[in-house]
Amino acid sequence: LRMIDLSQHYMLSTGRQPAYMVTKAARAGIPLV
């Protein structure tokens, strides 16, 4: 909605990262979690 380029940002998360969570980020094109 804000036209932010996800490919040039990393995502910070407070949650544990099983495959399901990592895959969600990867589908959005996020390069680092």
PDB file of all heavy atoms in Angstrom:
ATOM      1  N   LEU A   1       0.814  -1.214   0.000  1.00  0.00           N
ATOM      2  CA  LEU A   1       0.000   0.000   0.000  1.00  0.00           C
ATOM      3  C   LEU A   1       0.851   1.268   0.000  1.00  0.00           C
ATOM      4  O   LEU A   1       0.420   2.308  -0.513  1.00  0.00           O
ATOM      5  CB  LEU A   1      -0.932  -0.005   1.219  1.00  0.00           C
ATOM      6  CG  LEU A   1      -1.979  -1.133   1.221  1.00  0.00           C
ATOM      7  CD1 LEU A   1      -2.677  -1.217   2.564  1.00  0.00           C
ATOM      8  CD2 LEU A   1      -3.001  -0.920   0.108  1.00  0.00           C
ATOM      9  N   ARG A   2       2.060   1.191   0.566  1.00  0.00           N
ATOM     10  CA  ARG A   2       2.941   2.371   0.621  1.00  0.00           C
ATOM     11  C   ARG A   2       4.018   2.347  -0.467  1.00  0.00           C
ATOM     12  O   ARG A   2       4.899   3.189  -0.490  1.00  0.00           O
ATOM     13  CB  ARG A   2       3.609   2.461   1.999  1.00  0.00           C
ATOM     14  CG  ARG A   2       2.627   2.529   3.152  1.00  0.00           C
ATOM     15  CD  ARG A   2       3.338   2.660   4.484  1.00  0.00           C
ATOM     16  NE  ARG A   2       2.447   2.389   5.595  1.00  0.00           N
ATOM     17  CZ  ARG A   2       2.789   2.479   6.877  1.00  0.00           C
ATOM     18  NH1 ARG A   2       4.028   2.848   7.188  1.00  0.00           N
ATOM     19  NH2 ARG A   2       1.923   2.207   7.835  1.00  0.00           N
ATOM     20  N   MET A   3       3.957   1.348  -1.322  1.00  0.00           N
ATOM     21  CA  MET A   3       4.911   1.208  -2.432  1.00  0.00           C
ATOM     22  C   MET A   3       6.359   1.143  -1.927  1.00  0.00           C
ATOM     23  O   MET A   3       7.253   1.826  -2.430  1.00  0.00           O
ATOM     24  CB  MET A   3       4.732   2.337  -3.438  1.00  0.00           C
ATOM     25  CG  MET A   3       3.392   2.269  -4.166  1.00  0.00           C
ATOM     26  SD  MET A   3       3.174   3.515  -5.451  1.00  0.00           S
ATOM     27  CE  MET A   3       3.034   4.994  -4.451  1.00  0.00           C
ATOM     28  N   ILE A   4       6.597   0.315  -0.925  1.00  0.00           N
ATOM     29  CA  ILE A   4       7.929   0.080  -0.377  1.00  0.00           C
ATOM     30  C   ILE A   4       8.548  -1.116  -1.096  1.00  0.00           C
ATOM     31  O   ILE A   4       7.902  -2.153  -1.258  1.00  0.00           O
ATOM     32  CB  ILE A   4       7.860  -0.193   1.138  1.00  0.00           C
ATOM     33  CG1 ILE A   4       7.350   1.050   1.872  1.00  0.00           C
ATOM     34  CG2 ILE A   4       9.217  -0.622   1.697  1.00  0.00           C
ATOM     35  CD1 ILE A   4       7.053   0.807   3.339  1.00  0.00           C
ATOM     36  N   ASP A   5       9.785  -0.982  -1.508  1.00  0.00           N
ATOM     37  CA  ASP A   5      10.492  -2.052  -2.219  1.00  0.00           C
ATOM     38  C   ASP A   5      10.989  -3.091  -1.213  1.00  0.00           C
ATOM     39  O   ASP A   5      11.996  -2.895  -0.529  1.00  0.00           O
ATOM     40  CB  ASP A   5      11.671  -1.465  -2.997  1.00  0.00           C
ATOM     41  CG  ASP A   5      12.376  -2.512  -3.859  1.00  0.00           C
ATOM     42  OD1 ASP A   5      11.978  -3.691  -3.811  1.00  0.00           O
ATOM     43  OD2 ASP A   5      13.336  -2.135  -4.565  1.00  0.00           O
ATOM     44  N   LEU A   6      10.275  -4.205  -1.126  1.00  0.00           N
ATOM     45  CA  LEU A   6      10.629  -5.240  -0.154  1.00  0.00           C
ATOM     46  C   LEU A   6      11.979  -5.887  -0.450  1.00  0.00           C
ATOM     47  O   LEU A   6      12.637  -6.395   0.456  1.00  0.00           O
ATOM     48  CB  LEU A   6       9.548  -6.320  -0.129  1.00  0.00           C
ATOM     49  CG  LEU A   6       8.252  -5.946   0.593  1.00  0.00           C
ATOM     50  CD1 LEU A   6       7.203  -7.027   0.374  1.00  0.00           C
ATOM     51  CD2 LEU A   6       8.496  -5.751   2.076  1.00  0.00           C
ATOM     52  N   SER A   7      12.412  -5.849  -1.696  1.00  0.00           N
ATOM     53  CA  SER A   7      13.673  -6.502  -2.060  1.00  0.00           C
ATOM     54  C   SER A   7      14.885  -5.785  -1.482  1.00  0.00           C
ATOM     55  O   SER A   7      15.989  -6.327  -1.482  1.00  0.00           O
ATOM     56  CB  SER A   7      13.814  -6.585  -3.587  1.00  0.00           C
ATOM     57  OG  SER A   7      14.046  -5.302  -4.152  1.00  0.00           O
ATOM     58  N   GLN A   8      14.681  -4.557  -0.966  1.00  0.00           N
ATOM     59  CA  GLN A   8      15.779  -3.771  -0.420  1.00  0.00           C
ATOM     60  C   GLN A   8      15.605  -3.497   1.076  1.00  0.00           C
ATOM     61  O   GLN A   8      16.234  -2.599   1.633  1.00  0.00           O
ATOM     62  CB  GLN A   8      15.908  -2.450  -1.184  1.00  0.00           C
ATOM     63  CG  GLN A   8      16.183  -2.616  -2.664  1.00  0.00           C
ATOM     64  CD  GLN A   8      17.451  -3.410  -2.930  1.00  0.00           C
ATOM     65  OE1 GLN A   8      18.518  -3.096  -2.381  1.00  0.00           O
ATOM     66  NE2 GLN A   8      17.347  -4.435  -3.769  1.00  0.00           N
ATOM     67  N   HIS A   9      14.750  -4.276   1.716  1.00  0.00           N
ATOM     68  CA  HIS A   9      14.525  -4.158   3.166  1.00  0.00           C
ATOM     69  C   HIS A   9      14.646  -5.544   3.801  1.00  0.00           C
ATOM     70  O   HIS A   9      14.447  -6.555   3.139  1.00  0.00           O
ATOM     71  CB  HIS A   9      13.133  -3.610   3.467  1.00  0.00           C
ATOM     72  CG  HIS A   9      12.952  -2.167   3.125  1.00  0.00           C
ATOM     73  ND1 HIS A   9      12.882  -1.719   1.828  1.00  0.00           N
ATOM     74  CD2 HIS A   9      12.835  -1.069   3.923  1.00  0.00           C
ATOM     75  CE1 HIS A   9      12.712  -0.396   1.834  1.00  0.00           C
ATOM     76  NE2 HIS A   9      12.683   0.021   3.086  1.00  0.00           N
ATOM     77  N   TYR A  10      14.959  -5.569   5.080  1.00  0.00           N
ATOM     78  CA  TYR A  10      14.879  -6.840   5.794  1.00  0.00           C
ATOM     79  C   TYR A  10      13.703  -6.791   6.758  1.00  0.00           C
ATOM     80  O   TYR A  10      13.218  -5.706   7.120  1.00  0.00           O
ATOM     81  CB  TYR A  10      16.184  -7.188   6.512  1.00  0.00           C
ATOM     82  CG  TYR A  10      16.508  -6.430   7.782  1.00  0.00           C
ATOM     83  CD1 TYR A  10      16.034  -6.864   9.027  1.00  0.00           C
ATOM     84  CD2 TYR A  10      17.329  -5.307   7.763  1.00  0.00           C
ATOM     85  CE1 TYR A  10      16.362  -6.195  10.194  1.00  0.00           C
ATOM     86  CE2 TYR A  10      17.663  -4.632   8.923  1.00  0.00           C
ATOM     87  CZ  TYR A  10      17.177  -5.078  10.137  1.00  0.00           C
ATOM     88  OH  TYR A  10      17.501  -4.399  11.298  1.00  0.00           O
ATOM     89  N   MET A  11      13.222  -7.964   7.113  1.00  0.00           N
ATOM     90  CA  MET A  11      12.088  -8.042   8.031  1.00  0.00           C
ATOM     91  C   MET A  11      12.553  -8.464   9.413  1.00  0.00           C
ATOM     92  O   MET A  11      13.285  -9.439   9.572  1.00  0.00           O
ATOM     93  CB  MET A  11      11.041  -9.038   7.525  1.00  0.00           C
ATOM     94  CG  MET A  11       9.769  -9.018   8.377  1.00  0.00           C
ATOM     95  SD  MET A  11       8.521 -10.195   7.789  1.00  0.00           S
ATOM     96  CE  MET A  11       9.269 -11.738   8.326  1.00  0.00           C
ATOM     97  N   LEU A  12      12.088  -7.732  10.405  1.00  0.00           N
ATOM     98  CA  LEU A  12      12.335  -8.047  11.803  1.00  0.00           C
ATOM     99  C   LEU A  12      11.091  -8.732  12.351  1.00  0.00           C
ATOM    100  O   LEU A  12       9.970  -8.299  12.081  1.00  0.00           O
ATOM    101  CB  LEU A  12      12.610  -6.752  12.568  1.00  0.00           C
ATOM    102  CG  LEU A  12      13.035  -6.859  14.030  1.00  0.00           C
ATOM    103  CD1 LEU A  12      14.443  -7.425  14.120  1.00  0.00           C
ATOM    104  CD2 LEU A  12      12.978  -5.479  14.676  1.00  0.00           C
ATOM    105  N   SER A  13      11.279  -9.813  13.102  1.00  0.00           N
ATOM    106  CA  SER A  13      10.148 -10.547  13.651  1.00  0.00           C
ATOM    107  C   SER A  13      10.444 -10.963  15.085  1.00  0.00           C
ATOM    108  O   SER A  13      11.573 -11.311  15.417  1.00  0.00           O
ATOM    109  CB  SER A  13       9.853 -11.795  12.807  1.00  0.00           C
ATOM    110  OG  SER A  13       8.870 -12.608  13.424  1.00  0.00           O
ATOM    111  N   THR A  14       9.403 -10.919  15.933  1.00  0.00           N
ATOM    112  CA  THR A  14       9.579 -11.392  17.303  1.00  0.00           C
ATOM    113  C   THR A  14       9.258 -12.876  17.426  1.00  0.00           C
ATOM    114  O   THR A  14       9.463 -13.467  18.481  1.00  0.00           O
ATOM    115  CB  THR A  14       8.659 -10.616  18.266  1.00  0.00           C
ATOM    116  OG1 THR A  14       7.294 -10.742  17.814  1.00  0.00           O
ATOM    117  CG2 THR A  14       9.033  -9.141  18.303  1.00  0.00           C
ATOM    118  N   GLY A  15       8.748 -13.476  16.356  1.00  0.00           N
ATOM    119  CA  GLY A  15       8.322 -14.871  16.412  1.00  0.00           C
ATOM    120  C   GLY A  15       9.384 -15.858  15.977  1.00  0.00           C
ATOM    121  O   GLY A  15      10.347 -15.505  15.291  1.00  0.00           O
ATOM    122  N   ARG A  16       9.204 -17.109  16.393  1.00  0.00           N
ATOM    123  CA  ARG A  16      10.068 -18.183  15.916  1.00  0.00           C
ATOM    124  C   ARG A  16       9.838 -18.382  14.425  1.00  0.00           C
ATOM    125  O   ARG A  16       8.811 -18.000  13.895  1.00  0.00           O
ATOM    126  CB  ARG A  16       9.767 -19.470  16.689  1.00  0.00           C
ATOM    127  CG  ARG A  16      10.100 -19.369  18.172  1.00  0.00           C
ATOM    128  CD  ARG A  16       9.612 -20.593  18.922  1.00  0.00           C
ATOM    129  NE  ARG A  16       8.150 -20.684  18.899  1.00  0.00           N
ATOM    130  CZ  ARG A  16       7.462 -21.716  19.374  1.00  0.00           C
ATOM    131  NH1 ARG A  16       8.095 -22.756  19.868  1.00  0.00           N
ATOM    132  NH2 ARG A  16       6.142 -21.707  19.337  1.00  0.00           N
ATOM    133  N   GLN A  17      10.803 -19.000  13.757  1.00  0.00           N
ATOM    134  CA  GLN A  17      10.755 -19.090  12.294  1.00  0.00           C
ATOM    135  C   GLN A  17      10.791 -20.541  11.812  1.00  0.00           C
ATOM    136  O   GLN A  17      11.832 -21.069  11.450  1.00  0.00           O
ATOM    137  CB  GLN A  17      11.930 -18.313  11.699  1.00  0.00           C
ATOM    138  CG  GLN A  17      11.930 -16.832  12.000  1.00  0.00           C
ATOM    139  CD  GLN A  17      10.743 -16.114  11.379  1.00  0.00           C
ATOM    140  OE1 GLN A  17      10.473 -16.257  10.196  1.00  0.00           O
ATOM    141  NE2 GLN A  17      10.023 -15.341  12.187  1.00  0.00           N
ATOM    142  N   PRO A  18       9.629 -21.202  11.783  1.00  0.00           N
ATOM    143  CA  PRO A  18       9.546 -22.495  11.107  1.00  0.00           C
ATOM    144  C   PRO A  18       9.486 -22.251   9.600  1.00  0.00           C
ATOM    145  O   PRO A  18       9.445 -21.110   9.135  1.00  0.00           O
ATOM    146  CB  PRO A  18       8.238 -23.082  11.637  1.00  0.00           C
ATOM    147  CG  PRO A  18       7.394 -21.884  11.929  1.00  0.00           C
ATOM    148  CD  PRO A  18       8.355 -20.810  12.402  1.00  0.00           C
ATOM    149  N   ALA A  19       9.443 -23.322   8.827  1.00  0.00           N
ATOM    150  CA  ALA A  19       9.409 -23.190   7.368  1.00  0.00           C
ATOM    151  C   ALA A  19       8.229 -22.345   6.906  1.00  0.00           C
ATOM    152  O   ALA A  19       8.346 -21.545   5.978  1.00  0.00           O
ATOM    153  CB  ALA A  19       9.352 -24.579   6.726  1.00  0.00           C
ATOM    154  N   TYR A  20       7.093 -22.511   7.563  1.00  0.00           N
ATOM    155  CA  TYR A  20       5.887 -21.772   7.170  1.00  0.00           C
ATOM    156  C   TYR A  20       6.116 -20.265   7.217  1.00  0.00           C
ATOM    157  O   TYR A  20       5.731 -19.528   6.293  1.00  0.00           O
ATOM    158  CB  TYR A  20       4.749 -22.175   8.099  1.00  0.00           C
ATOM    159  CG  TYR A  20       3.491 -21.354   7.963  1.00  0.00           C
ATOM    160  CD1 TYR A  20       2.763 -21.370   6.789  1.00  0.00           C
ATOM    161  CD2 TYR A  20       3.038 -20.569   9.017  1.00  0.00           C
ATOM    162  CE1 TYR A  20       1.599 -20.621   6.648  1.00  0.00           C
ATOM    163  CE2 TYR A  20       1.881 -19.817   8.896  1.00  0.00           C
ATOM    164  CZ  TYR A  20       1.166 -19.838   7.713  1.00  0.00           C
ATOM    165  OH  TYR A  20       0.026 -19.093   7.583  1.00  0.00           O
ATOM    166  N   MET A  21       6.746 -19.775   8.290  1.00  0.00           N
ATOM    167  CA  MET A  21       6.985 -18.339   8.438  1.00  0.00           C
ATOM    168  C   MET A  21       8.019 -17.845   7.429  1.00  0.00           C
ATOM    169  O   MET A  21       7.864 -16.781   6.822  1.00  0.00           O
ATOM    170  CB  MET A  21       7.442 -18.039   9.862  1.00  0.00           C
ATOM    171  CG  MET A  21       6.363 -18.205  10.905  1.00  0.00           C
ATOM    172  SD  MET A  21       5.132 -16.885  10.854  1.00  0.00           S
ATOM    173  CE  MET A  21       6.086 -15.531  11.524  1.00  0.00           C
ATOM    174  N   VAL A  22       9.085 -18.595   7.247  1.00  0.00           N
ATOM    175  CA  VAL A  22      10.134 -18.208   6.293  1.00  0.00           C
ATOM    176  C   VAL A  22       9.563 -18.148   4.878  1.00  0.00           C
ATOM    177  O   VAL A  22       9.863 -17.226   4.110  1.00  0.00           O
ATOM    178  CB  VAL A  22      11.313 -19.198   6.362  1.00  0.00           C
ATOM    179  CG1 VAL A  22      12.300 -18.958   5.227  1.00  0.00           C
ATOM    180  CG2 VAL A  22      12.021 -19.074   7.715  1.00  0.00           C
ATOM    181  N   THR A  23       8.728 -19.114   4.545  1.00  0.00           N
ATOM    182  CA  THR A  23       8.146 -19.159   3.207  1.00  0.00           C
ATOM    183  C   THR A  23       7.251 -17.960   2.944  1.00  0.00           C
ATOM    184  O   THR A  23       7.212 -17.426   1.829  1.00  0.00           O
ATOM    185  CB  THR A  23       7.355 -20.464   3.024  1.00  0.00           C
ATOM    186  OG1 THR A  23       8.238 -21.575   3.215  1.00  0.00           O
ATOM    187  CG2 THR A  23       6.757 -20.558   1.633  1.00  0.00           C
ATOM    188  N   LYS A  24       6.519 -17.501   3.950  1.00  0.00           N
ATOM    189  CA  LYS A  24       5.673 -16.315   3.791  1.00  0.00           C
ATOM    190  C   LYS A  24       6.524 -15.112   3.396  1.00  0.00           C
ATOM    191  O   LYS A  24       6.179 -14.353   2.483  1.00  0.00           O
ATOM    192  CB  LYS A  24       4.919 -16.026   5.097  1.00  0.00           C
ATOM    193  CG  LYS A  24       3.789 -16.993   5.394  1.00  0.00           C
ATOM    194  CD  LYS A  24       3.183 -16.756   6.759  1.00  0.00           C
ATOM    195  CE  LYS A  24       2.246 -15.591   6.770  1.00  0.00           C
ATOM    196  NZ  LYS A  24       0.987 -15.830   6.034  1.00  0.00           N
ATOM    197  N   ALA A  25       7.646 -14.924   4.072  1.00  0.00           N
ATOM    198  CA  ALA A  25       8.540 -13.802   3.767  1.00  0.00           C
ATOM    199  C   ALA A  25       9.148 -13.953   2.377  1.00  0.00           C
ATOM    200  O   ALA A  25       9.257 -12.981   1.617  1.00  0.00           O
ATOM    201  CB  ALA A  25       9.633 -13.706   4.822  1.00  0.00           C
ATOM    202  N   ALA A  26       9.539 -15.171   2.033  1.00  0.00           N
ATOM    203  CA  ALA A  26      10.168 -15.414   0.736  1.00  0.00           C
ATOM    204  C   ALA A  26       9.194 -15.141  -0.409  1.00  0.00           C
ATOM    205  O   ALA A  26       9.577 -14.586  -1.441  1.00  0.00           O
ATOM    206  CB  ALA A  26      10.685 -16.852   0.663  1.00  0.00           C
ATOM    207  N   ARG A  27       7.938 -15.525  -0.251  1.00  0.00           N
ATOM    208  CA  ARG A  27       6.946 -15.264  -1.298  1.00  0.00           C
ATOM    209  C   ARG A  27       6.801 -13.762  -1.567  1.00  0.00           C
ATOM    210  O   ARG A  27       6.503 -13.349  -2.681  1.00  0.00           O
ATOM    211  CB  ARG A  27       5.585 -15.831  -0.898  1.00  0.00           C
ATOM    212  CG  ARG A  27       5.466 -17.336  -1.015  1.00  0.00           C
ATOM    213  CD  ARG A  27       3.992 -17.745  -0.989  1.00  0.00           C
ATOM    214  NE  ARG A  27       3.842 -19.198  -0.933  1.00  0.00           N
ATOM    215  CZ  ARG A  27       3.492 -19.883   0.145  1.00  0.00           C
ATOM    216  NH1 ARG A  27       3.279 -19.245   1.289  1.00  0.00           N
ATOM    217  NH2 ARG A  27       3.366 -21.187   0.112  1.00  0.00           N
ATOM    218  N   ALA A  28       7.010 -12.960  -0.532  1.00  0.00           N
ATOM    219  CA  ALA A  28       6.897 -11.509  -0.691  1.00  0.00           C
ATOM    220  C   ALA A  28       8.174 -10.889  -1.242  1.00  0.00           C
ATOM    221  O   ALA A  28       8.205  -9.690  -1.516  1.00  0.00           O
ATOM    222  CB  ALA A  28       6.549 -10.875   0.658  1.00  0.00           C
ATOM    223  N   GLY A  29       9.233 -11.697  -1.394  1.00  0.00           N
ATOM    224  CA  GLY A  29      10.484 -11.194  -1.948  1.00  0.00           C
ATOM    225  C   GLY A  29      11.400 -10.549  -0.930  1.00  0.00           C
ATOM    226  O   GLY A  29      12.304  -9.786  -1.288  1.00  0.00           O
ATOM    227  N   ILE A  30      11.222 -10.865   0.345  1.00  0.00           N
ATOM    228  CA  ILE A  30      12.062 -10.304   1.405  1.00  0.00           C
ATOM    229  C   ILE A  30      13.375 -11.082   1.469  1.00  0.00           C
ATOM    230  O   ILE A  30      13.364 -12.307   1.634  1.00  0.00           O
ATOM    231  CB  ILE A  30      11.328 -10.359   2.758  1.00  0.00           C
ATOM    232  CG1 ILE A  30      10.070  -9.477   2.700  1.00  0.00           C
ATOM    233  CG2 ILE A  30      12.234  -9.932   3.897  1.00  0.00           C
ATOM    234  CD1 ILE A  30       9.158  -9.622   3.891  1.00  0.00           C
ATOM    235  N   PRO A  31      14.537 -10.410   1.378  1.00  0.00           N
ATOM    236  CA  PRO A  31      15.811 -11.127   1.281  1.00  0.00           C
ATOM    237  C   PRO A  31      16.421 -11.576   2.606  1.00  0.00           C
ATOM    238  O   PRO A  31      17.281 -12.449   2.624  1.00  0.00           O
ATOM    239  CB  PRO A  31      16.726 -10.109   0.603  1.00  0.00           C
ATOM    240  CG  PRO A  31      16.174  -8.787   1.023  1.00  0.00           C
ATOM    241  CD  PRO A  31      14.688  -8.973   1.104  1.00  0.00           C
ATOM    242  N   LEU A  32      15.983 -10.985   3.716  1.00  0.00           N
ATOM    243  CA  LEU A  32      16.574 -11.330   5.013  1.00  0.00           C
ATOM    244  C   LEU A  32      15.512 -11.216   6.094  1.00  0.00           C
ATOM    245  O   LEU A  32      14.743 -10.249   6.121  1.00  0.00           O
ATOM    246  CB  LEU A  32      17.757 -10.401   5.335  1.00  0.00           C
ATOM    247  CG  LEU A  32      18.600 -10.701   6.587  1.00  0.00           C
ATOM    248  CD1 LEU A  32      20.048 -10.242   6.383  1.00  0.00           C
ATOM    249  CD2 LEU A  32      18.031 -10.051   7.852  1.00  0.00           C
ATOM    250  N   VAL A  33      15.474 -12.201   6.973  1.00  0.00           N
ATOM    251  CA  VAL A  33      14.574 -12.189   8.124  1.00  0.00           C
ATOM    252  C   VAL A  33      15.416 -12.316   9.387  1.00  0.00           C
ATOM    253  O   VAL A  33      16.258 -13.213   9.492  1.00  0.00           O
ATOM    254  CB  VAL A  33      13.554 -13.348   8.072  1.00  0.00           C
ATOM    255  CG1 VAL A  33      12.737 -13.397   9.358  1.00  0.00           C
ATOM    256  CG2 VAL A  33      12.638 -13.200   6.865  1.00  0.00           C
TER     257      VAL A  33
END
